[in-house]
Amino acid sequence: MELRDAFDRRFSYLRLSVTDQCNFRCAYCLPNGYRPEPEQAGPLSVEEIRRLVTAFARLGVEKVRLTGGEPTVRRDLLDLVSTVAAVPGIRRVGLTTNGYSLAKLAAPLRQAGLGFINVSVDSLDPDRFREVTGRPMLEQVLAGVEAALAAGFPSVKVNAVLMKGLDHDELERFLTWTRKLPIAVRFIELMPAGCEPDFYQRHHLPIGWVKEELKRRGWEPVSRGPSDGPAVEMVHPDHQGRAGYIAFSEDGFCSTCNRLRVSARGDLKLCLFGERDEPLRPLLQGDVEALVQALRELVARKPDRHHVGEGCKANFKPLAAIGG
């Protein structure tokens, strides 16, 4: 059984937020830090997550990425990872993290069944890193990346949000990093979802110059795997790692969409830029088959593409609440 929408796109990839809490204050996400809403329900429990992932797996989802907020603030994260990894049909479990706790957690996460990891590193300049994230923790985060490699993760990726100020010197630092280590650095175009509209207008930077600079330096694109996201990854014969980019504003960005998102409190987001969410938590208390049927009906309503710039009132909740 496969999960497909009205445009015959198959969904094999779930991005599941496990918390909206975060210990960083990134300028494009939580510039004032995490602030819980009054009387807000807690995040999904491990058992609720097991039931949720089981339903998605019965519909052909094979890959689950745990996101946040910052997933490592959950004390039961190792139990959560092992629970998701044990669900029949799930082949790959990954994690997106700010790397704050990764130096001590990389090995236990690998042992729990985590298969791949993404670390957010928005700058390799300590001062700019502190400016963007609100934390003077670059050295600690880089140690976490090294720990993930040492733990034997076959895929360690680094996400850098592309904003004005990421210049040729910064790009040079990232590419030098890929020369020495088998990591994949992806530059992510700042998106209008997750940050305030005026911040987006001031800091948005088109991805084009990075794409052209990589080509000029001799980087060549590689083919995408069936469960890969929208990133274009490139290789270079003189580099152990990869480099690439994610450009939401380019034509065709939505045509190969293969992912769905569920928030920390169980709301299905059919599109990152969508105007509404679909609550799933009530269905997590009952029969899994009822949830399976609901998912099939909801996914059939997924739009063909985002409509940012066309009058769409995109959801400007912080990415920590959306799930990235």
C-alpha atoms as a PDB file:
ATOM      1  CA  MET A   1       0.000   0.000   0.000  1.00  0.00           C
ATOM      2  CA  GLU A   2       1.418   3.381  -0.981  1.00  0.00           C
ATOM      3  CA  LEU A   3       0.640   6.894   0.161  1.00  0.00           C
ATOM      4  CA  ARG A   4       0.012   9.064  -2.917  1.00  0.00           C
ATOM      5  CA  ASP A   5      -1.620  12.403  -3.522  1.00  0.00           C
ATOM      6  CA  ALA A   6      -3.910  13.552  -6.327  1.00  0.00           C
ATOM      7  CA  PHE A   7      -0.840  14.326  -8.478  1.00  0.00           C
ATOM      8  CA  ASP A   8       0.532  10.768  -8.165  1.00  0.00           C
ATOM      9  CA  ARG A   9       3.434  11.806  -5.946  1.00  0.00           C
ATOM     10  CA  ARG A  10       4.461   9.010  -3.601  1.00  0.00           C
ATOM     11  CA  PHE A  11       5.288   9.868   0.004  1.00  0.00           C
ATOM     12  CA  SER A  12       7.956   7.705   1.587  1.00  0.00           C
ATOM     13  CA  TYR A  13       9.489  10.249   3.952  1.00  0.00           C
ATOM     14  CA  LEU A  14       8.146  11.638   7.242  1.00  0.00           C
ATOM     15  CA  ARG A  15       9.634  14.600   9.094  1.00  0.00           C
ATOM     16  CA  LEU A  16       8.452  14.209  12.661  1.00  0.00           C
ATOM     17  CA  SER A  17       8.983  16.954  15.219  1.00  0.00           C
ATOM     18  CA  VAL A  18       9.455  15.545  18.718  1.00  0.00           C
ATOM     19  CA  THR A  19       9.589  18.900  20.543  1.00  0.00           C
ATOM     20  CA  ASP A  20       9.262  22.600  19.782  1.00  0.00           C
ATOM     21  CA  GLN A  21      11.684  23.507  22.578  1.00  0.00           C
ATOM     22  CA  CYS A  22      15.163  24.676  21.634  1.00  0.00           C
ATOM     23  CA  ASN A  23      18.225  25.840  23.560  1.00  0.00           C
ATOM     24  CA  PHE A  24      19.420  28.132  20.736  1.00  0.00           C
ATOM     25  CA  ARG A  25      18.019  31.499  19.684  1.00  0.00           C
ATOM     26  CA  CYS A  26      18.554  31.455  15.929  1.00  0.00           C
ATOM     27  CA  ALA A  27      17.765  34.779  14.278  1.00  0.00           C
ATOM     28  CA  TYR A  28      15.567  33.191  11.592  1.00  0.00           C
ATOM     29  CA  CYS A  29      13.615  30.960  13.970  1.00  0.00           C
ATOM     30  CA  LEU A  30      13.570  31.841  17.688  1.00  0.00           C
ATOM     31  CA  PRO A  31      15.333  35.196  18.061  1.00  0.00           C
ATOM     32  CA  ASN A  32      13.792  35.676  21.532  1.00  0.00           C
ATOM     33  CA  GLY A  33      14.285  32.091  22.635  1.00  0.00           C
ATOM     34  CA  TYR A  34      11.703  29.384  23.262  1.00  0.00           C
ATOM     35  CA  ARG A  35       8.490  30.648  24.851  1.00  0.00           C
ATOM     36  CA  PRO A  36       5.838  28.019  25.599  1.00  0.00           C
ATOM     37  CA  GLU A  37       2.223  28.930  25.029  1.00  0.00           C
ATOM     38  CA  PRO A  38       0.010  28.962  28.156  1.00  0.00           C
ATOM     39  CA  GLU A  39      -1.709  25.642  28.881  1.00  0.00           C
ATOM     40  CA  GLN A  40      -0.079  24.089  25.875  1.00  0.00           C
ATOM     41  CA  ALA A  41      -0.311  20.309  25.597  1.00  0.00           C
ATOM     42  CA  GLY A  42       2.918  18.360  25.846  1.00  0.00           C
ATOM     43  CA  PRO A  43       4.637  16.760  22.860  1.00  0.00           C
ATOM     44  CA  LEU A  44       3.646  13.347  21.588  1.00  0.00           C
ATOM     45  CA  SER A  45       4.663  10.518  23.887  1.00  0.00           C
ATOM     46  CA  VAL A  46       6.864   7.640  22.751  1.00  0.00           C
ATOM     47  CA  GLU A  47       3.791   5.415  22.495  1.00  0.00           C
ATOM     48  CA  GLU A  48       1.861   7.994  20.461  1.00  0.00           C
ATOM     49  CA  ILE A  49       4.853   8.325  18.155  1.00  0.00           C
ATOM     50  CA  ARG A  50       5.048   4.553  17.766  1.00  0.00           C
ATOM     51  CA  ARG A  51       1.398   4.403  16.705  1.00  0.00           C
ATOM     52  CA  LEU A  52       1.814   7.366  14.358  1.00  0.00           C
ATOM     53  CA  VAL A  53       4.902   5.932  12.649  1.00  0.00           C
ATOM     54  CA  THR A  54       3.269   2.505  12.423  1.00  0.00           C
ATOM     55  CA  ALA A  55       0.379   4.019  10.446  1.00  0.00           C
ATOM     56  CA  PHE A  56       2.731   5.859   8.095  1.00  0.00           C
ATOM     57  CA  ALA A  57       4.829   2.709   7.619  1.00  0.00           C
ATOM     58  CA  ARG A  58       1.721   0.734   6.604  1.00  0.00           C
ATOM     59  CA  LEU A  59       1.294   3.329   3.855  1.00  0.00           C
ATOM     60  CA  GLY A  60       4.799   2.864   2.512  1.00  0.00           C
ATOM     61  CA  VAL A  61       6.780   5.447   4.487  1.00  0.00           C
ATOM     62  CA  GLU A  62      10.295   4.051   4.907  1.00  0.00           C
ATOM     63  CA  LYS A  63      12.303   7.038   6.111  1.00  0.00           C
ATOM     64  CA  VAL A  64      11.684   9.092   9.264  1.00  0.00           C
ATOM     65  CA  ARG A  65      13.615  12.170  10.305  1.00  0.00           C
ATOM     66  CA  LEU A  66      13.213  13.363  13.891  1.00  0.00           C
ATOM     67  CA  THR A  67      13.255  17.147  14.103  1.00  0.00           C
ATOM     68  CA  GLY A  68      12.345  19.941  16.474  1.00  0.00           C
ATOM     69  CA  GLY A  69      12.889  22.404  18.052  1.00  0.00           C
ATOM     70  CA  GLU A  70      15.976  20.656  19.269  1.00  0.00           C
ATOM     71  CA  PRO A  71      15.314  16.898  19.635  1.00  0.00           C
ATOM     72  CA  THR A  72      18.178  16.325  22.060  1.00  0.00           C
ATOM     73  CA  VAL A  73      16.379  18.295  24.798  1.00  0.00           C
ATOM     74  CA  ARG A  74      14.076  15.279  25.177  1.00  0.00           C
ATOM     75  CA  ARG A  75      15.368  13.017  27.930  1.00  0.00           C
ATOM     76  CA  ASP A  76      13.706   9.988  26.337  1.00  0.00           C
ATOM     77  CA  LEU A  77      15.302  10.588  22.918  1.00  0.00           C
ATOM     78  CA  LEU A  78      17.238   7.300  22.867  1.00  0.00           C
ATOM     79  CA  ASP A  79      14.083   5.341  23.682  1.00  0.00           C
ATOM     80  CA  LEU A  80      12.235   7.306  21.022  1.00  0.00           C
ATOM     81  CA  VAL A  81      14.879   6.532  18.381  1.00  0.00           C
ATOM     82  CA  SER A  82      14.936   2.820  19.165  1.00  0.00           C
ATOM     83  CA  THR A  83      11.113   2.705  19.125  1.00  0.00           C
ATOM     84  CA  VAL A  84      10.860   4.333  15.685  1.00  0.00           C
ATOM     85  CA  ALA A  85      13.697   2.203  14.296  1.00  0.00           C
ATOM     86  CA  ALA A  86      11.874  -0.961  15.425  1.00  0.00           C
ATOM     87  CA  VAL A  87       8.625  -0.173  13.581  1.00  0.00           C
ATOM     88  CA  PRO A  88       8.158  -2.724  10.761  1.00  0.00           C
ATOM     89  CA  GLY A  89       8.743  -1.120   7.378  1.00  0.00           C
ATOM     90  CA  ILE A  90      10.937   1.739   8.631  1.00  0.00           C
ATOM     91  CA  ARG A  91      14.354   1.391   7.012  1.00  0.00           C
ATOM     92  CA  ARG A  92      16.054   4.670   7.876  1.00  0.00           C
ATOM     93  CA  VAL A  93      15.791   6.921  10.922  1.00  0.00           C
ATOM     94  CA  GLY A  94      17.563  10.266  11.016  1.00  0.00           C
ATOM     95  CA  LEU A  95      17.893  13.292  13.243  1.00  0.00           C
ATOM     96  CA  THR A  96      18.291  17.029  12.703  1.00  0.00           C
ATOM     97  CA  THR A  97      20.099  18.737  15.575  1.00  0.00           C
ATOM     98  CA  ASN A  98      21.896  21.958  16.429  1.00  0.00           C
ATOM     99  CA  GLY A  99      24.788  19.779  17.621  1.00  0.00           C
ATOM    100  CA  TYR A 100      24.834  21.245  21.124  1.00  0.00           C
ATOM    101  CA  SER A 101      24.795  17.789  22.806  1.00  0.00           C
ATOM    102  CA  LEU A 102      26.042  15.687  19.930  1.00  0.00           C
ATOM    103  CA  ALA A 103      29.564  15.084  21.220  1.00  0.00           C
ATOM    104  CA  LYS A 104      28.174  12.965  24.076  1.00  0.00           C
ATOM    105  CA  LEU A 105      25.083  11.599  22.300  1.00  0.00           C
ATOM    106  CA  ALA A 106      26.460  10.551  18.904  1.00  0.00           C
ATOM    107  CA  ALA A 107      27.578   7.064  19.933  1.00  0.00           C
ATOM    108  CA  PRO A 108      24.456   6.228  22.024  1.00  0.00           C
ATOM    109  CA  LEU A 109      22.199   7.472  19.208  1.00  0.00           C
ATOM    110  CA  ARG A 110      24.000   5.250  16.716  1.00  0.00           C
ATOM    111  CA  GLN A 111      23.594   2.272  19.048  1.00  0.00           C
ATOM    112  CA  ALA A 112      19.888   3.065  19.450  1.00  0.00           C
ATOM    113  CA  GLY A 113      19.343   2.666  15.713  1.00  0.00           C
ATOM    114  CA  LEU A 114      19.841   6.151  14.285  1.00  0.00           C
ATOM    115  CA  GLY A 115      21.084   5.868  10.713  1.00  0.00           C
ATOM    116  CA  PHE A 116      21.871   9.411   9.574  1.00  0.00           C
ATOM    117  CA  ILE A 117      22.263  12.845  11.068  1.00  0.00           C
ATOM    118  CA  ASN A 118      22.020  16.497  10.025  1.00  0.00           C
ATOM    119  CA  VAL A 119      23.704  19.235  12.033  1.00  0.00           C
ATOM    120  CA  SER A 120      22.812  22.913  11.677  1.00  0.00           C
ATOM    121  CA  VAL A 121      25.976  25.010  11.339  1.00  0.00           C
ATOM    122  CA  ASP A 122      25.082  28.420   9.966  1.00  0.00           C
ATOM    123  CA  SER A 123      28.626  29.794   9.984  1.00  0.00           C
ATOM    124  CA  LEU A 124      32.189  28.633  10.523  1.00  0.00           C
ATOM    125  CA  ASP A 125      33.176  32.047  11.829  1.00  0.00           C
ATOM    126  CA  PRO A 126      32.776  32.032  15.647  1.00  0.00           C
ATOM    127  CA  ASP A 127      31.510  35.616  15.844  1.00  0.00           C
ATOM    128  CA  ARG A 128      28.957  35.200  13.067  1.00  0.00           C
ATOM    129  CA  PHE A 129      27.882  31.837  14.493  1.00  0.00           C
ATOM    130  CA  ARG A 130      27.155  33.523  17.823  1.00  0.00           C
ATOM    131  CA  GLU A 131      25.337  36.342  16.039  1.00  0.00           C
ATOM    132  CA  VAL A 132      23.064  33.956  14.114  1.00  0.00           C
ATOM    133  CA  THR A 133      22.410  31.356  16.840  1.00  0.00           C
ATOM    134  CA  GLY A 134      22.623  33.441  19.993  1.00  0.00           C
ATOM    135  CA  ARG A 135      25.139  30.945  21.414  1.00  0.00           C
ATOM    136  CA  PRO A 136      28.977  30.993  21.469  1.00  0.00           C
ATOM    137  CA  MET A 137      29.041  27.256  20.831  1.00  0.00           C
ATOM    138  CA  LEU A 138      30.713  26.769  17.446  1.00  0.00           C
ATOM    139  CA  GLU A 139      33.610  24.739  18.831  1.00  0.00           C
ATOM    140  CA  GLN A 140      31.219  22.480  20.751  1.00  0.00           C
ATOM    141  CA  VAL A 141      29.027  21.964  17.677  1.00  0.00           C
ATOM    142  CA  LEU A 142      32.018  21.130  15.472  1.00  0.00           C
ATOM    143  CA  ALA A 143      33.123  18.584  18.084  1.00  0.00           C
ATOM    144  CA  GLY A 144      29.663  17.038  17.728  1.00  0.00           C
ATOM    145  CA  VAL A 145      30.129  16.684  13.959  1.00  0.00           C
ATOM    146  CA  GLU A 146      33.469  14.951  14.558  1.00  0.00           C
ATOM    147  CA  ALA A 147      31.813  12.666  17.130  1.00  0.00           C
ATOM    148  CA  ALA A 148      29.098  11.691  14.633  1.00  0.00           C
ATOM    149  CA  LEU A 149      31.763  10.693  12.108  1.00  0.00           C
ATOM    150  CA  ALA A 150      33.669   8.762  14.778  1.00  0.00           C
ATOM    151  CA  ALA A 151      30.457   6.945  15.791  1.00  0.00           C
ATOM    152  CA  GLY A 152      30.212   5.511  12.297  1.00  0.00           C
ATOM    153  CA  PHE A 153      27.228   7.346  10.868  1.00  0.00           C
ATOM    154  CA  PRO A 154      27.258   6.648   7.125  1.00  0.00           C
ATOM    155  CA  SER A 155      25.672  10.030   6.410  1.00  0.00           C
ATOM    156  CA  VAL A 156      26.575  13.227   8.241  1.00  0.00           C
ATOM    157  CA  LYS A 157      25.166  16.378   6.673  1.00  0.00           C
ATOM    158  CA  VAL A 158      25.573  20.006   7.632  1.00  0.00           C
ATOM    159  CA  ASN A 159      22.819  22.564   7.021  1.00  0.00           C
ATOM    160  CA  ALA A 160      23.711  26.242   6.633  1.00  0.00           C
ATOM    161  CA  VAL A 161      20.861  28.713   6.162  1.00  0.00           C
ATOM    162  CA  LEU A 162      21.855  31.109   3.404  1.00  0.00           C
ATOM    163  CA  MET A 163      21.452  34.722   4.496  1.00  0.00           C
ATOM    164  CA  LYS A 164      23.065  37.988   3.545  1.00  0.00           C
ATOM    165  CA  GLY A 165      26.532  37.980   5.052  1.00  0.00           C
ATOM    166  CA  LEU A 166      27.454  34.504   3.874  1.00  0.00           C
ATOM    167  CA  ASP A 167      30.105  35.695   1.453  1.00  0.00           C
ATOM    168  CA  HIS A 168      32.892  34.107  -0.561  1.00  0.00           C
ATOM    169  CA  ASP A 169      35.182  33.839   2.483  1.00  0.00           C
ATOM    170  CA  GLU A 170      32.515  31.906   4.379  1.00  0.00           C
ATOM    171  CA  LEU A 171      31.867  29.672   1.389  1.00  0.00           C
ATOM    172  CA  GLU A 172      35.591  28.989   1.168  1.00  0.00           C
ATOM    173  CA  ARG A 173      35.646  27.848   4.797  1.00  0.00           C
ATOM    174  CA  PHE A 174      32.775  25.415   4.251  1.00  0.00           C
ATOM    175  CA  LEU A 175      34.297  23.967   1.082  1.00  0.00           C
ATOM    176  CA  THR A 176      37.672  23.556   2.786  1.00  0.00           C
ATOM    177  CA  TRP A 177      35.842  21.548   5.436  1.00  0.00           C
ATOM    178  CA  THR A 178      34.481  19.161   2.782  1.00  0.00           C
ATOM    179  CA  ARG A 179      37.984  18.735   1.397  1.00  0.00           C
ATOM    180  CA  LYS A 180      39.074  17.189   4.686  1.00  0.00           C
ATOM    181  CA  LEU A 181      35.973  15.396   5.973  1.00  0.00           C
ATOM    182  CA  PRO A 182      33.305  13.121   4.387  1.00  0.00           C
ATOM    183  CA  ILE A 183      30.414  15.433   5.221  1.00  0.00           C
ATOM    184  CA  ALA A 184      27.781  16.982   2.973  1.00  0.00           C
ATOM    185  CA  VAL A 185      27.301  20.732   3.359  1.00  0.00           C
ATOM    186  CA  ARG A 186      24.014  22.101   2.000  1.00  0.00           C
ATOM    187  CA  PHE A 187      23.229  25.805   1.749  1.00  0.00           C
ATOM    188  CA  ILE A 188      19.525  26.316   2.407  1.00  0.00           C
ATOM    189  CA  GLU A 189      17.783  29.331   0.937  1.00  0.00           C
ATOM    190  CA  LEU A 190      16.109  31.358   3.682  1.00  0.00           C
ATOM    191  CA  MET A 191      12.388  30.605   3.454  1.00  0.00           C
ATOM    192  CA  PRO A 192       9.418  32.845   4.296  1.00  0.00           C
ATOM    193  CA  ALA A 193       7.964  30.122   6.527  1.00  0.00           C
ATOM    194  CA  GLY A 194       9.357  30.165  10.032  1.00  0.00           C
ATOM    195  CA  CYS A 195      10.571  33.757  10.252  1.00  0.00           C
ATOM    196  CA  GLU A 196       8.947  37.161  10.399  1.00  0.00           C
ATOM    197  CA  PRO A 197       8.132  38.690   6.979  1.00  0.00           C
ATOM    198  CA  ASP A 198      10.305  41.766   7.525  1.00  0.00           C
ATOM    199  CA  PHE A 199      13.250  39.600   8.587  1.00  0.00           C
ATOM    200  CA  TYR A 200      12.840  37.573   5.417  1.00  0.00           C
ATOM    201  CA  GLN A 201      12.794  40.690   3.280  1.00  0.00           C
ATOM    202  CA  ARG A 202      15.975  42.029   4.901  1.00  0.00           C
ATOM    203  CA  HIS A 203      17.976  38.798   4.896  1.00  0.00           C
ATOM    204  CA  HIS A 204      16.772  36.683   1.982  1.00  0.00           C
ATOM    205  CA  LEU A 205      19.529  35.908  -0.496  1.00  0.00           C
ATOM    206  CA  PRO A 206      18.863  34.021  -3.751  1.00  0.00           C
ATOM    207  CA  ILE A 207      20.769  30.754  -4.042  1.00  0.00           C
ATOM    208  CA  GLY A 208      22.026  31.495  -7.552  1.00  0.00           C
ATOM    209  CA  TRP A 209      25.491  32.811  -6.686  1.00  0.00           C
ATOM    210  CA  VAL A 210      26.319  29.711  -4.605  1.00  0.00           C
ATOM    211  CA  LYS A 211      25.126  27.413  -7.383  1.00  0.00           C
ATOM    212  CA  GLU A 212      27.191  29.230  -9.997  1.00  0.00           C
ATOM    213  CA  GLU A 213      30.255  29.384  -7.761  1.00  0.00           C
ATOM    214  CA  LEU A 214      30.159  25.633  -7.163  1.00  0.00           C
ATOM    215  CA  LYS A 215      29.902  24.993 -10.887  1.00  0.00           C
ATOM    216  CA  ARG A 216      32.774  27.412 -11.559  1.00  0.00           C
ATOM    217  CA  ARG A 217      34.942  25.510  -9.117  1.00  0.00           C
ATOM    218  CA  GLY A 218      34.310  22.221 -10.880  1.00  0.00           C
ATOM    219  CA  TRP A 219      31.623  20.655  -8.690  1.00  0.00           C
ATOM    220  CA  GLU A 220      29.284  18.233 -10.495  1.00  0.00           C
ATOM    221  CA  PRO A 221      25.731  17.287  -9.418  1.00  0.00           C
ATOM    222  CA  VAL A 222      24.947  13.716  -8.385  1.00  0.00           C
ATOM    223  CA  SER A 223      21.678  11.876  -8.999  1.00  0.00           C
ATOM    224  CA  ARG A 224      19.023  11.874  -6.287  1.00  0.00           C
ATOM    225  CA  GLY A 225      17.960   8.711  -4.495  1.00  0.00           C
ATOM    226  CA  PRO A 226      14.265   7.724  -4.338  1.00  0.00           C
ATOM    227  CA  SER A 227      13.859   8.936  -0.733  1.00  0.00           C
ATOM    228  CA  ASP A 228      16.106  11.995  -0.962  1.00  0.00           C
ATOM    229  CA  GLY A 229      14.755  15.452  -0.321  1.00  0.00           C
ATOM    230  CA  PRO A 230      14.961  18.490  -2.601  1.00  0.00           C
ATOM    231  CA  ALA A 231      18.677  19.119  -2.042  1.00  0.00           C
ATOM    232  CA  VAL A 232      20.957  19.243  -5.073  1.00  0.00           C
ATOM    233  CA  GLU A 233      24.224  17.634  -3.977  1.00  0.00           C
ATOM    234  CA  MET A 234      27.493  17.970  -5.849  1.00  0.00           C
ATOM    235  CA  VAL A 235      30.872  16.247  -5.749  1.00  0.00           C
ATOM    236  CA  HIS A 236      34.412  17.289  -6.549  1.00  0.00           C
ATOM    237  CA  PRO A 237      37.373  14.942  -7.171  1.00  0.00           C
ATOM    238  CA  ASP A 238      39.558  16.822  -4.677  1.00  0.00           C
ATOM    239  CA  HIS A 239      37.024  16.722  -1.823  1.00  0.00           C
ATOM    240  CA  GLN A 240      36.059  13.857   0.490  1.00  0.00           C
ATOM    241  CA  GLY A 241      32.700  15.469   1.188  1.00  0.00           C
ATOM    242  CA  ARG A 242      29.893  16.959  -0.842  1.00  0.00           C
ATOM    243  CA  ALA A 243      28.379  20.393  -1.231  1.00  0.00           C
ATOM    244  CA  GLY A 244      24.981  21.477  -2.454  1.00  0.00           C
ATOM    245  CA  TYR A 245      21.939  23.642  -1.967  1.00  0.00           C
ATOM    246  CA  ILE A 246      18.193  23.704  -1.343  1.00  0.00           C
ATOM    247  CA  ALA A 247      16.344  26.432  -3.251  1.00  0.00           C
ATOM    248  CA  PHE A 248      12.636  26.689  -2.481  1.00  0.00           C
ATOM    249  CA  SER A 249      12.113  29.499  -5.017  1.00  0.00           C
ATOM    250  CA  GLU A 250      13.337  27.595  -8.071  1.00  0.00           C
ATOM    251  CA  ASP A 251      10.872  26.157 -10.563  1.00  0.00           C
ATOM    252  CA  GLY A 252      10.139  22.483  -9.973  1.00  0.00           C
ATOM    253  CA  PHE A 253      10.918  22.572  -6.241  1.00  0.00           C
ATOM    254  CA  CYS A 254       7.559  20.945  -5.417  1.00  0.00           C
ATOM    255  CA  SER A 255       7.330  18.527  -8.352  1.00  0.00           C
ATOM    256  CA  THR A 256       9.335  15.793  -6.612  1.00  0.00           C
ATOM    257  CA  CYS A 257       7.955  16.401  -3.120  1.00  0.00           C
ATOM    258  CA  ASN A 258       8.095  13.125  -1.199  1.00  0.00           C
ATOM    259  CA  ARG A 259       7.713  14.266   2.387  1.00  0.00           C
ATOM    260  CA  LEU A 260       5.085  15.023   4.969  1.00  0.00           C
ATOM    261  CA  ARG A 261       5.479  16.790   8.302  1.00  0.00           C
ATOM    262  CA  VAL A 262       3.931  16.184  11.700  1.00  0.00           C
ATOM    263  CA  SER A 263       4.370  18.688  14.511  1.00  0.00           C
ATOM    264  CA  ALA A 264       5.406  17.853  18.059  1.00  0.00           C
ATOM    265  CA  ARG A 265       1.743  17.845  19.097  1.00  0.00           C
ATOM    266  CA  GLY A 266       0.534  15.654  16.282  1.00  0.00           C
ATOM    267  CA  ASP A 267      -0.620  18.074  13.582  1.00  0.00           C
ATOM    268  CA  LEU A 268      -0.121  17.001   9.988  1.00  0.00           C
ATOM    269  CA  LYS A 269       1.332  19.689   7.758  1.00  0.00           C
ATOM    270  CA  LEU A 270       0.708  18.852   4.113  1.00  0.00           C
ATOM    271  CA  CYS A 271       2.934  21.711   2.918  1.00  0.00           C
ATOM    272  CA  LEU A 272       5.656  23.618   4.749  1.00  0.00           C
ATOM    273  CA  PHE A 273       4.072  26.830   3.475  1.00  0.00           C
ATOM    274  CA  GLY A 274       0.488  25.732   4.054  1.00  0.00           C
ATOM    275  CA  GLU A 275      -2.116  27.865   5.790  1.00  0.00           C
ATOM    276  CA  ARG A 276      -3.586  25.126   7.989  1.00  0.00           C
ATOM    277  CA  ASP A 277      -2.651  21.947   9.827  1.00  0.00           C
ATOM    278  CA  GLU A 278      -4.646  18.763  10.317  1.00  0.00           C
ATOM    279  CA  PRO A 279      -4.814  17.440  13.930  1.00  0.00           C
ATOM    280  CA  LEU A 280      -3.943  13.752  14.207  1.00  0.00           C
ATOM    281  CA  ARG A 281      -3.544  13.385  17.958  1.00  0.00           C
ATOM    282  CA  PRO A 282      -7.159  12.359  18.646  1.00  0.00           C
ATOM    283  CA  LEU A 283      -6.665   9.456  16.234  1.00  0.00           C
ATOM    284  CA  LEU A 284      -3.550   8.284  18.061  1.00  0.00           C
ATOM    285  CA  GLN A 285      -5.671   7.044  20.948  1.00  0.00           C
ATOM    286  CA  GLY A 286      -7.680   4.569  18.866  1.00  0.00           C
ATOM    287  CA  ASP A 287      -7.348   1.994  16.130  1.00  0.00           C
ATOM    288  CA  VAL A 288      -4.303   2.338  13.871  1.00  0.00           C
ATOM    289  CA  GLU A 289      -6.390   1.427  10.833  1.00  0.00           C
ATOM    290  CA  ALA A 290      -8.594   4.485  11.392  1.00  0.00           C
ATOM    291  CA  LEU A 291      -5.459   6.610  11.352  1.00  0.00           C
ATOM    292  CA  VAL A 292      -4.274   4.917   8.162  1.00  0.00           C
ATOM    293  CA  GLN A 293      -7.542   5.740   6.431  1.00  0.00           C
ATOM    294  CA  ALA A 294      -7.466   9.344   7.673  1.00  0.00           C
ATOM    295  CA  LEU A 295      -3.941   9.807   6.363  1.00  0.00           C
ATOM    296  CA  ARG A 296      -4.913   8.555   2.920  1.00  0.00           C
ATOM    297  CA  GLU A 297      -7.825  10.997   2.763  1.00  0.00           C
ATOM    298  CA  LEU A 298      -5.806  13.948   4.057  1.00  0.00           C
ATOM    299  CA  VAL A 299      -2.830  13.414   1.763  1.00  0.00           C
ATOM    300  CA  ALA A 300      -5.179  13.338  -1.213  1.00  0.00           C
ATOM    301  CA  ARG A 301      -5.776  17.045  -0.485  1.00  0.00           C
ATOM    302  CA  LYS A 302      -2.117  18.022  -0.667  1.00  0.00           C
ATOM    303  CA  PRO A 303      -1.653  20.973  -3.060  1.00  0.00           C
ATOM    304  CA  ASP A 304       0.412  20.575  -6.193  1.00  0.00           C
ATOM    305  CA  ARG A 305       2.920  23.231  -5.089  1.00  0.00           C
ATOM    306  CA  HIS A 306       3.432  26.052  -2.656  1.00  0.00           C
ATOM    307  CA  HIS A 307       1.932  29.412  -3.542  1.00  0.00           C
ATOM    308  CA  VAL A 308       4.319  31.753  -1.770  1.00  0.00           C
ATOM    309  CA  GLY A 309       4.265  35.097  -3.545  1.00  0.00           C
ATOM    310  CA  GLU A 310       0.814  34.464  -5.000  1.00  0.00           C
ATOM    311  CA  GLY A 311      -1.296  35.724  -2.127  1.00  0.00           C
ATOM    312  CA  CYS A 312      -0.742  32.682   0.052  1.00  0.00           C
ATOM    313  CA  LYS A 313      -0.855  33.505   3.760  1.00  0.00           C
ATOM    314  CA  ALA A 314       2.022  31.202   4.606  1.00  0.00           C
ATOM    315  CA  ASN A 315       2.286  29.918   8.156  1.00  0.00           C
ATOM    316  CA  PHE A 316       4.804  32.144   9.939  1.00  0.00           C
ATOM    317  CA  LYS A 317       5.073  30.030  13.058  1.00  0.00           C
ATOM    318  CA  PRO A 318       8.725  29.529  14.022  1.00  0.00           C
ATOM    319  CA  LEU A 319      10.398  26.576  12.347  1.00  0.00           C
ATOM    320  CA  ALA A 320      10.788  25.144  15.842  1.00  0.00           C
ATOM    321  CA  ALA A 321       6.984  24.786  15.926  1.00  0.00           C
ATOM    322  CA  ILE A 322       6.613  23.711  12.301  1.00  0.00           C
ATOM    323  CA  GLY A 323       9.260  20.995  12.538  1.00  0.00           C
ATOM    324  CA  GLY A 324      11.738  22.283   9.929  1.00  0.00           C
END
